[in-house]
N, C-alpha and C. Protein backbone atom coordinates (compact mmCIF):
# COMPACT_ATOMS: atom_id res chain seq x y z
N MET A 1 -5.99 -2.17 -12.45
CA MET A 1 -6.92 -3.10 -13.10
C MET A 1 -7.37 -2.51 -14.43
N ILE A 2 -7.62 -3.40 -15.35
CA ILE A 2 -8.15 -2.98 -16.66
C ILE A 2 -9.41 -3.78 -16.96
N GLN A 3 -10.36 -3.09 -17.54
CA GLN A 3 -11.63 -3.72 -17.94
C GLN A 3 -11.69 -3.71 -19.46
N MET A 4 -11.94 -4.87 -20.04
CA MET A 4 -12.03 -5.00 -21.49
C MET A 4 -13.43 -5.48 -21.86
N THR A 5 -13.93 -4.94 -22.95
CA THR A 5 -15.22 -5.37 -23.49
C THR A 5 -15.01 -5.93 -24.89
N LEU A 6 -15.40 -7.17 -25.09
CA LEU A 6 -15.40 -7.79 -26.41
C LEU A 6 -16.75 -7.50 -27.04
N ILE A 7 -16.74 -6.94 -28.24
CA ILE A 7 -17.96 -6.56 -28.95
C ILE A 7 -18.04 -7.39 -30.22
N GLN A 8 -19.15 -8.09 -30.42
CA GLN A 8 -19.34 -8.88 -31.63
C GLN A 8 -20.68 -8.53 -32.27
N ILE A 9 -20.66 -8.41 -33.61
CA ILE A 9 -21.91 -8.24 -34.34
C ILE A 9 -22.62 -9.59 -34.33
N ASP A 10 -23.88 -9.58 -33.95
CA ASP A 10 -24.66 -10.82 -33.88
C ASP A 10 -25.05 -11.30 -35.28
N ASN A 11 -24.85 -12.60 -35.52
CA ASN A 11 -25.33 -13.26 -36.74
C ASN A 11 -24.90 -12.51 -38.00
N TYR A 12 -23.67 -11.99 -37.98
CA TYR A 12 -23.20 -11.11 -39.04
C TYR A 12 -23.03 -11.82 -40.38
N GLY A 13 -22.42 -12.99 -40.38
CA GLY A 13 -22.20 -13.71 -41.64
C GLY A 13 -23.49 -13.91 -42.42
N PRO A 14 -24.51 -14.52 -41.80
CA PRO A 14 -25.78 -14.68 -42.51
C PRO A 14 -26.41 -13.35 -42.91
N TRP A 15 -26.26 -12.31 -42.09
CA TRP A 15 -26.85 -11.00 -42.42
C TRP A 15 -26.27 -10.46 -43.72
N THR A 16 -24.99 -10.74 -43.98
CA THR A 16 -24.34 -10.17 -45.17
C THR A 16 -24.91 -10.71 -46.48
N VAL A 17 -25.61 -11.84 -46.43
CA VAL A 17 -26.15 -12.45 -47.66
C VAL A 17 -27.67 -12.61 -47.65
N THR A 18 -28.35 -12.10 -46.61
CA THR A 18 -29.80 -12.27 -46.49
C THR A 18 -30.49 -10.91 -46.50
N PRO A 19 -31.49 -10.67 -47.27
CA PRO A 19 -32.16 -11.59 -48.18
C PRO A 19 -31.40 -11.77 -49.50
N ARG A 20 -30.39 -10.93 -49.73
CA ARG A 20 -29.56 -11.05 -50.92
C ARG A 20 -28.15 -10.64 -50.52
N PRO A 21 -27.15 -11.03 -51.28
CA PRO A 21 -25.78 -10.61 -50.95
C PRO A 21 -25.66 -9.08 -50.98
N ARG A 22 -25.03 -8.54 -49.97
CA ARG A 22 -24.82 -7.09 -49.89
C ARG A 22 -23.50 -6.73 -50.56
N THR A 23 -23.44 -5.54 -51.10
CA THR A 23 -22.21 -5.13 -51.78
C THR A 23 -21.11 -4.89 -50.75
N GLU A 24 -19.87 -5.05 -51.20
CA GLU A 24 -18.73 -4.83 -50.31
C GLU A 24 -18.74 -3.40 -49.76
N SER A 25 -19.12 -2.45 -50.58
CA SER A 25 -19.16 -1.06 -50.09
C SER A 25 -20.21 -0.88 -49.00
N ASP A 26 -21.35 -1.57 -49.12
CA ASP A 26 -22.37 -1.50 -48.06
C ASP A 26 -21.83 -2.08 -46.75
N LEU A 27 -21.13 -3.20 -46.84
CA LEU A 27 -20.57 -3.83 -45.65
C LEU A 27 -19.52 -2.94 -45.00
N GLN A 28 -18.65 -2.36 -45.82
CA GLN A 28 -17.59 -1.51 -45.28
C GLN A 28 -18.16 -0.23 -44.66
N MET A 29 -19.20 0.31 -45.26
CA MET A 29 -19.85 1.51 -44.68
C MET A 29 -20.46 1.18 -43.32
N LEU A 30 -21.17 0.06 -43.22
CA LEU A 30 -21.75 -0.33 -41.95
C LEU A 30 -20.66 -0.52 -40.91
N GLN A 31 -19.60 -1.23 -41.28
CA GLN A 31 -18.51 -1.50 -40.34
C GLN A 31 -17.83 -0.21 -39.88
N ALA A 32 -17.56 0.70 -40.81
CA ALA A 32 -16.89 1.95 -40.47
C ALA A 32 -17.77 2.83 -39.58
N ASN A 33 -19.05 2.91 -39.92
CA ASN A 33 -19.97 3.71 -39.12
C ASN A 33 -20.15 3.12 -37.72
N LEU A 34 -20.25 1.80 -37.65
CA LEU A 34 -20.38 1.13 -36.36
C LEU A 34 -19.15 1.38 -35.51
N PHE A 35 -17.96 1.24 -36.10
CA PHE A 35 -16.72 1.48 -35.37
C PHE A 35 -16.69 2.91 -34.83
N ALA A 36 -17.06 3.88 -35.66
CA ALA A 36 -17.07 5.28 -35.23
C ALA A 36 -18.08 5.50 -34.10
N ASP A 37 -19.28 4.94 -34.24
CA ASP A 37 -20.30 5.11 -33.21
C ASP A 37 -19.87 4.46 -31.89
N LEU A 38 -19.31 3.27 -31.97
CA LEU A 38 -18.85 2.61 -30.75
C LEU A 38 -17.74 3.41 -30.08
N ASN A 39 -16.81 3.94 -30.87
CA ASN A 39 -15.76 4.77 -30.29
C ASN A 39 -16.34 6.02 -29.65
N ASN A 40 -17.37 6.57 -30.24
CA ASN A 40 -18.03 7.74 -29.65
C ASN A 40 -18.67 7.38 -28.31
N HIS A 41 -19.42 6.28 -28.28
CA HIS A 41 -20.08 5.85 -27.04
C HIS A 41 -19.06 5.54 -25.94
N PHE A 42 -18.08 4.71 -26.26
CA PHE A 42 -17.08 4.35 -25.25
C PHE A 42 -16.22 5.56 -24.90
N GLY A 43 -15.89 6.38 -25.90
CA GLY A 43 -15.07 7.56 -25.67
C GLY A 43 -15.73 8.57 -24.75
N ASN A 44 -17.06 8.66 -24.78
CA ASN A 44 -17.77 9.56 -23.86
C ASN A 44 -17.53 9.19 -22.41
N LYS A 45 -17.15 7.95 -22.16
CA LYS A 45 -16.83 7.47 -20.81
C LYS A 45 -15.33 7.23 -20.65
N LYS A 46 -14.54 7.81 -21.55
CA LYS A 46 -13.08 7.72 -21.55
C LYS A 46 -12.57 6.32 -21.90
N GLY A 47 -13.37 5.56 -22.64
CA GLY A 47 -12.94 4.27 -23.15
C GLY A 47 -12.41 4.41 -24.56
N LEU A 48 -11.96 3.31 -25.13
CA LEU A 48 -11.39 3.33 -26.48
C LEU A 48 -11.64 1.99 -27.14
N VAL A 49 -12.10 2.01 -28.39
CA VAL A 49 -12.43 0.79 -29.13
C VAL A 49 -11.37 0.53 -30.20
N PHE A 50 -10.99 -0.74 -30.34
CA PHE A 50 -10.06 -1.19 -31.37
C PHE A 50 -10.76 -2.29 -32.16
N PHE A 51 -10.50 -2.35 -33.47
CA PHE A 51 -11.08 -3.45 -34.22
C PHE A 51 -10.05 -4.56 -34.35
N THR A 52 -10.54 -5.79 -34.26
CA THR A 52 -9.69 -6.95 -34.53
C THR A 52 -10.05 -7.44 -35.93
N ARG A 53 -11.33 -7.64 -36.15
CA ARG A 53 -11.97 -7.72 -37.47
C ARG A 53 -13.13 -6.76 -37.29
N PHE A 54 -13.71 -6.32 -38.35
CA PHE A 54 -14.75 -5.31 -38.15
C PHE A 54 -16.03 -5.87 -37.56
N ASP A 55 -16.17 -7.20 -37.51
CA ASP A 55 -17.34 -7.76 -36.84
C ASP A 55 -17.00 -8.19 -35.41
N ASN A 56 -15.78 -7.89 -34.99
CA ASN A 56 -15.25 -8.32 -33.71
C ASN A 56 -14.33 -7.22 -33.21
N LEU A 57 -14.73 -6.52 -32.15
CA LEU A 57 -13.96 -5.38 -31.67
C LEU A 57 -13.66 -5.54 -30.19
N LEU A 58 -12.63 -4.85 -29.73
CA LEU A 58 -12.25 -4.85 -28.31
C LEU A 58 -12.22 -3.42 -27.81
N ALA A 59 -12.73 -3.21 -26.61
CA ALA A 59 -12.72 -1.87 -26.02
C ALA A 59 -12.08 -1.90 -24.65
N ILE A 60 -11.28 -0.89 -24.37
CA ILE A 60 -10.89 -0.61 -23.00
C ILE A 60 -12.09 0.11 -22.41
N SER A 61 -12.69 -0.48 -21.40
CA SER A 61 -13.99 0.03 -20.95
C SER A 61 -14.02 0.40 -19.47
N ASN A 62 -12.86 0.71 -18.90
CA ASN A 62 -12.85 1.20 -17.52
C ASN A 62 -13.77 2.41 -17.44
N GLY A 63 -14.57 2.49 -16.40
CA GLY A 63 -15.49 3.60 -16.24
C GLY A 63 -16.88 3.31 -16.76
N LEU A 64 -17.06 2.21 -17.49
CA LEU A 64 -18.40 1.84 -17.97
C LEU A 64 -18.96 0.74 -17.07
N ASN A 65 -20.20 0.93 -16.64
CA ASN A 65 -20.86 -0.07 -15.82
C ASN A 65 -21.86 -0.87 -16.67
N GLU A 66 -22.64 -1.70 -16.03
CA GLU A 66 -23.59 -2.54 -16.76
C GLU A 66 -24.59 -1.69 -17.54
N GLU A 67 -25.15 -0.66 -16.91
CA GLU A 67 -26.14 0.18 -17.59
C GLU A 67 -25.54 0.91 -18.79
N ASP A 68 -24.29 1.35 -18.70
CA ASP A 68 -23.63 1.99 -19.84
C ASP A 68 -23.55 1.04 -21.02
N HIS A 69 -23.19 -0.21 -20.76
CA HIS A 69 -23.11 -1.21 -21.83
C HIS A 69 -24.49 -1.46 -22.45
N LEU A 70 -25.50 -1.58 -21.60
CA LEU A 70 -26.86 -1.79 -22.10
C LEU A 70 -27.33 -0.61 -22.95
N ARG A 71 -26.99 0.59 -22.52
CA ARG A 71 -27.36 1.79 -23.28
C ARG A 71 -26.72 1.79 -24.66
N ILE A 72 -25.47 1.37 -24.74
CA ILE A 72 -24.78 1.28 -26.03
C ILE A 72 -25.47 0.26 -26.92
N GLN A 73 -25.81 -0.90 -26.37
CA GLN A 73 -26.50 -1.92 -27.16
C GLN A 73 -27.84 -1.39 -27.71
N ARG A 74 -28.59 -0.70 -26.88
CA ARG A 74 -29.88 -0.16 -27.33
C ARG A 74 -29.68 0.86 -28.45
N SER A 75 -28.69 1.70 -28.30
CA SER A 75 -28.42 2.71 -29.33
C SER A 75 -28.07 2.07 -30.66
N ILE A 76 -27.23 1.03 -30.63
CA ILE A 76 -26.84 0.35 -31.87
C ILE A 76 -28.06 -0.33 -32.49
N ARG A 77 -28.86 -1.00 -31.67
CA ARG A 77 -30.08 -1.66 -32.17
C ARG A 77 -31.00 -0.67 -32.87
N ASN A 78 -31.11 0.53 -32.32
CA ASN A 78 -32.02 1.54 -32.87
C ASN A 78 -31.48 2.21 -34.13
N ARG A 79 -30.17 2.14 -34.37
CA ARG A 79 -29.57 2.85 -35.50
C ARG A 79 -29.12 1.95 -36.64
N TYR A 80 -29.01 0.65 -36.39
CA TYR A 80 -28.44 -0.26 -37.38
C TYR A 80 -29.36 -1.44 -37.63
N PRO A 81 -29.14 -2.13 -38.76
CA PRO A 81 -29.94 -3.33 -39.06
C PRO A 81 -29.37 -4.58 -38.38
N ILE A 82 -28.47 -4.38 -37.43
CA ILE A 82 -27.83 -5.49 -36.72
C ILE A 82 -27.88 -5.19 -35.22
N THR A 83 -27.54 -6.18 -34.41
CA THR A 83 -27.37 -5.98 -32.97
C THR A 83 -25.96 -6.41 -32.61
N ILE A 84 -25.53 -6.03 -31.40
CA ILE A 84 -24.22 -6.44 -30.92
C ILE A 84 -24.36 -7.14 -29.57
N SER A 85 -23.49 -8.10 -29.35
CA SER A 85 -23.36 -8.73 -28.04
C SER A 85 -22.01 -8.35 -27.47
N MET A 86 -21.94 -8.30 -26.14
CA MET A 86 -20.70 -7.90 -25.49
C MET A 86 -20.39 -8.81 -24.31
N GLY A 87 -19.10 -9.07 -24.15
CA GLY A 87 -18.59 -9.74 -22.97
C GLY A 87 -17.66 -8.78 -22.27
N VAL A 88 -17.70 -8.76 -20.94
CA VAL A 88 -16.89 -7.82 -20.17
C VAL A 88 -16.08 -8.59 -19.13
N GLY A 89 -14.79 -8.26 -19.04
CA GLY A 89 -13.92 -8.86 -18.04
C GLY A 89 -12.94 -7.85 -17.50
N ALA A 90 -12.54 -8.04 -16.25
CA ALA A 90 -11.57 -7.15 -15.61
C ALA A 90 -10.47 -7.99 -14.98
N ALA A 91 -9.23 -7.52 -15.12
CA ALA A 91 -8.08 -8.25 -14.57
C ALA A 91 -6.89 -7.31 -14.46
N GLU A 92 -5.78 -7.85 -14.03
CA GLU A 92 -4.55 -7.06 -13.89
C GLU A 92 -3.92 -6.73 -15.23
N THR A 93 -4.12 -7.59 -16.24
CA THR A 93 -3.52 -7.35 -17.55
C THR A 93 -4.61 -7.30 -18.63
N PRO A 94 -4.35 -6.57 -19.72
CA PRO A 94 -5.33 -6.54 -20.81
C PRO A 94 -5.61 -7.94 -21.38
N HIS A 95 -4.57 -8.75 -21.49
CA HIS A 95 -4.75 -10.10 -22.04
C HIS A 95 -5.70 -10.92 -21.17
N GLU A 96 -5.49 -10.88 -19.87
CA GLU A 96 -6.35 -11.65 -18.97
C GLU A 96 -7.78 -11.10 -18.97
N ALA A 97 -7.93 -9.79 -19.00
CA ALA A 97 -9.27 -9.18 -19.03
C ALA A 97 -10.01 -9.56 -20.31
N GLN A 98 -9.29 -9.52 -21.44
CA GLN A 98 -9.90 -9.89 -22.72
C GLN A 98 -10.30 -11.36 -22.72
N LYS A 99 -9.46 -12.19 -22.12
CA LYS A 99 -9.76 -13.62 -22.03
C LYS A 99 -11.04 -13.86 -21.22
N LEU A 100 -11.17 -13.17 -20.10
CA LEU A 100 -12.37 -13.31 -19.27
C LEU A 100 -13.62 -12.82 -20.02
N ALA A 101 -13.48 -11.72 -20.75
CA ALA A 101 -14.60 -11.19 -21.54
C ALA A 101 -15.01 -12.17 -22.63
N THR A 102 -14.02 -12.77 -23.28
CA THR A 102 -14.28 -13.73 -24.36
C THR A 102 -14.99 -14.97 -23.82
N ILE A 103 -14.49 -15.51 -22.73
CA ILE A 103 -15.10 -16.70 -22.13
C ILE A 103 -16.54 -16.41 -21.72
N ALA A 104 -16.77 -15.25 -21.11
CA ALA A 104 -18.13 -14.89 -20.67
C ALA A 104 -19.08 -14.86 -21.87
N LEU A 105 -18.63 -14.26 -22.98
CA LEU A 105 -19.51 -14.17 -24.16
C LEU A 105 -19.67 -15.52 -24.85
N GLN A 106 -18.61 -16.31 -24.92
CA GLN A 106 -18.70 -17.62 -25.57
C GLN A 106 -19.67 -18.55 -24.85
N LYS A 107 -19.82 -18.38 -23.56
CA LYS A 107 -20.77 -19.21 -22.81
C LYS A 107 -22.21 -18.97 -23.26
N GLU A 108 -22.44 -17.83 -23.90
CA GLU A 108 -23.79 -17.46 -24.36
C GLU A 108 -24.07 -17.89 -25.79
N GLY A 109 -23.09 -18.51 -26.45
CA GLY A 109 -23.28 -18.96 -27.83
C GLY A 109 -22.36 -18.24 -28.79
N GLY A 110 -22.24 -18.80 -29.98
CA GLY A 110 -21.34 -18.25 -30.99
C GLY A 110 -21.92 -17.06 -31.72
N ALA A 111 -21.03 -16.28 -32.31
CA ALA A 111 -21.43 -15.07 -33.04
C ALA A 111 -22.31 -15.38 -34.24
N GLN A 112 -22.18 -16.58 -34.81
CA GLN A 112 -22.97 -16.94 -36.00
C GLN A 112 -24.32 -17.55 -35.65
N SER A 113 -24.59 -17.71 -34.37
CA SER A 113 -25.85 -18.32 -33.95
C SER A 113 -27.01 -17.33 -34.11
N SER A 114 -28.07 -17.78 -34.74
CA SER A 114 -29.25 -16.91 -34.87
C SER A 114 -29.97 -16.74 -33.54
N LYS A 115 -29.64 -17.59 -32.56
CA LYS A 115 -30.28 -17.52 -31.24
C LYS A 115 -29.62 -16.50 -30.33
N ARG A 116 -28.33 -16.20 -30.57
CA ARG A 116 -27.64 -15.23 -29.71
C ARG A 116 -27.92 -13.82 -30.24
N LYS A 117 -28.53 -13.00 -29.42
CA LYS A 117 -28.88 -11.65 -29.85
C LYS A 117 -28.79 -10.69 -28.66
N GLU A 118 -27.97 -9.69 -28.81
CA GLU A 118 -27.84 -8.59 -27.85
C GLU A 118 -27.59 -9.09 -26.42
N ILE A 119 -26.64 -10.00 -26.31
CA ILE A 119 -26.25 -10.53 -25.01
C ILE A 119 -25.25 -9.58 -24.36
N LEU A 120 -25.39 -9.36 -23.06
CA LEU A 120 -24.37 -8.68 -22.27
C LEU A 120 -23.93 -9.67 -21.21
N ALA A 121 -22.73 -10.22 -21.39
CA ALA A 121 -22.19 -11.24 -20.49
C ALA A 121 -21.05 -10.60 -19.69
N ILE A 122 -21.28 -10.39 -18.42
CA ILE A 122 -20.28 -9.73 -17.57
C ILE A 122 -19.64 -10.74 -16.65
N ASP A 123 -18.33 -10.92 -16.81
CA ASP A 123 -17.56 -11.74 -15.88
C ASP A 123 -17.24 -10.90 -14.65
N SER A 124 -16.74 -9.69 -14.88
CA SER A 124 -16.34 -8.81 -13.79
C SER A 124 -16.23 -7.38 -14.30
N LEU A 125 -16.39 -6.42 -13.38
CA LEU A 125 -16.23 -5.00 -13.68
C LEU A 125 -15.18 -4.42 -12.74
N VAL A 126 -14.48 -3.40 -13.21
CA VAL A 126 -13.49 -2.72 -12.38
C VAL A 126 -14.22 -1.73 -11.49
N SER A 127 -13.83 -1.68 -10.23
CA SER A 127 -14.42 -0.68 -9.34
C SER A 127 -13.90 0.70 -9.72
N GLU A 128 -14.64 1.72 -9.36
CA GLU A 128 -14.27 3.08 -9.73
C GLU A 128 -12.89 3.45 -9.17
N GLU A 129 -12.57 2.99 -7.98
CA GLU A 129 -11.28 3.29 -7.36
C GLU A 129 -10.10 2.68 -8.11
N ASP A 130 -10.34 1.55 -8.76
CA ASP A 130 -9.27 0.83 -9.47
C ASP A 130 -9.30 1.03 -10.98
N SER A 131 -10.02 2.04 -11.46
CA SER A 131 -10.28 2.09 -12.90
C SER A 131 -9.34 2.96 -13.72
N PHE A 132 -8.30 3.53 -13.14
CA PHE A 132 -7.39 4.37 -13.92
C PHE A 132 -6.52 3.52 -14.84
N VAL A 133 -6.54 3.87 -16.13
CA VAL A 133 -5.70 3.20 -17.13
C VAL A 133 -5.01 4.28 -17.93
N GLN A 134 -3.72 4.08 -18.19
CA GLN A 134 -2.98 5.03 -19.01
C GLN A 134 -2.38 4.27 -20.19
N ALA A 135 -2.67 4.75 -21.39
CA ALA A 135 -2.11 4.14 -22.60
C ALA A 135 -0.95 5.01 -23.07
N ALA A 136 0.19 4.38 -23.29
CA ALA A 136 1.37 5.13 -23.71
C ALA A 136 1.40 5.28 -25.21
């Protein structure tokens, strides 16, 4: 089994221009630092984060439970001017797990919604016995 976590920056589009447009270098610095921090958090639990777009990332998150995900969200909230929402899904294939994670998060609202903030939407988690993943 594989567990995937979809990570999205909340209300990112509007944040980039409020109260004034931010410079491209500011946006890229935030994105790069966030990517590094997320990889550090997930990596401490033997997970791995990949970016799809820098405001939308996917993590192999076997070994992380609900509290681990909440701890990551709190850390990001305390260190950045943004928050992140996450959807988590587990399945036999990465594609199916990512799909479940995406559906779980989409049920809570879109990434551009000012109402969606720091959501953790869990469809399913991998049990510790089934959590071994090997990347070639």
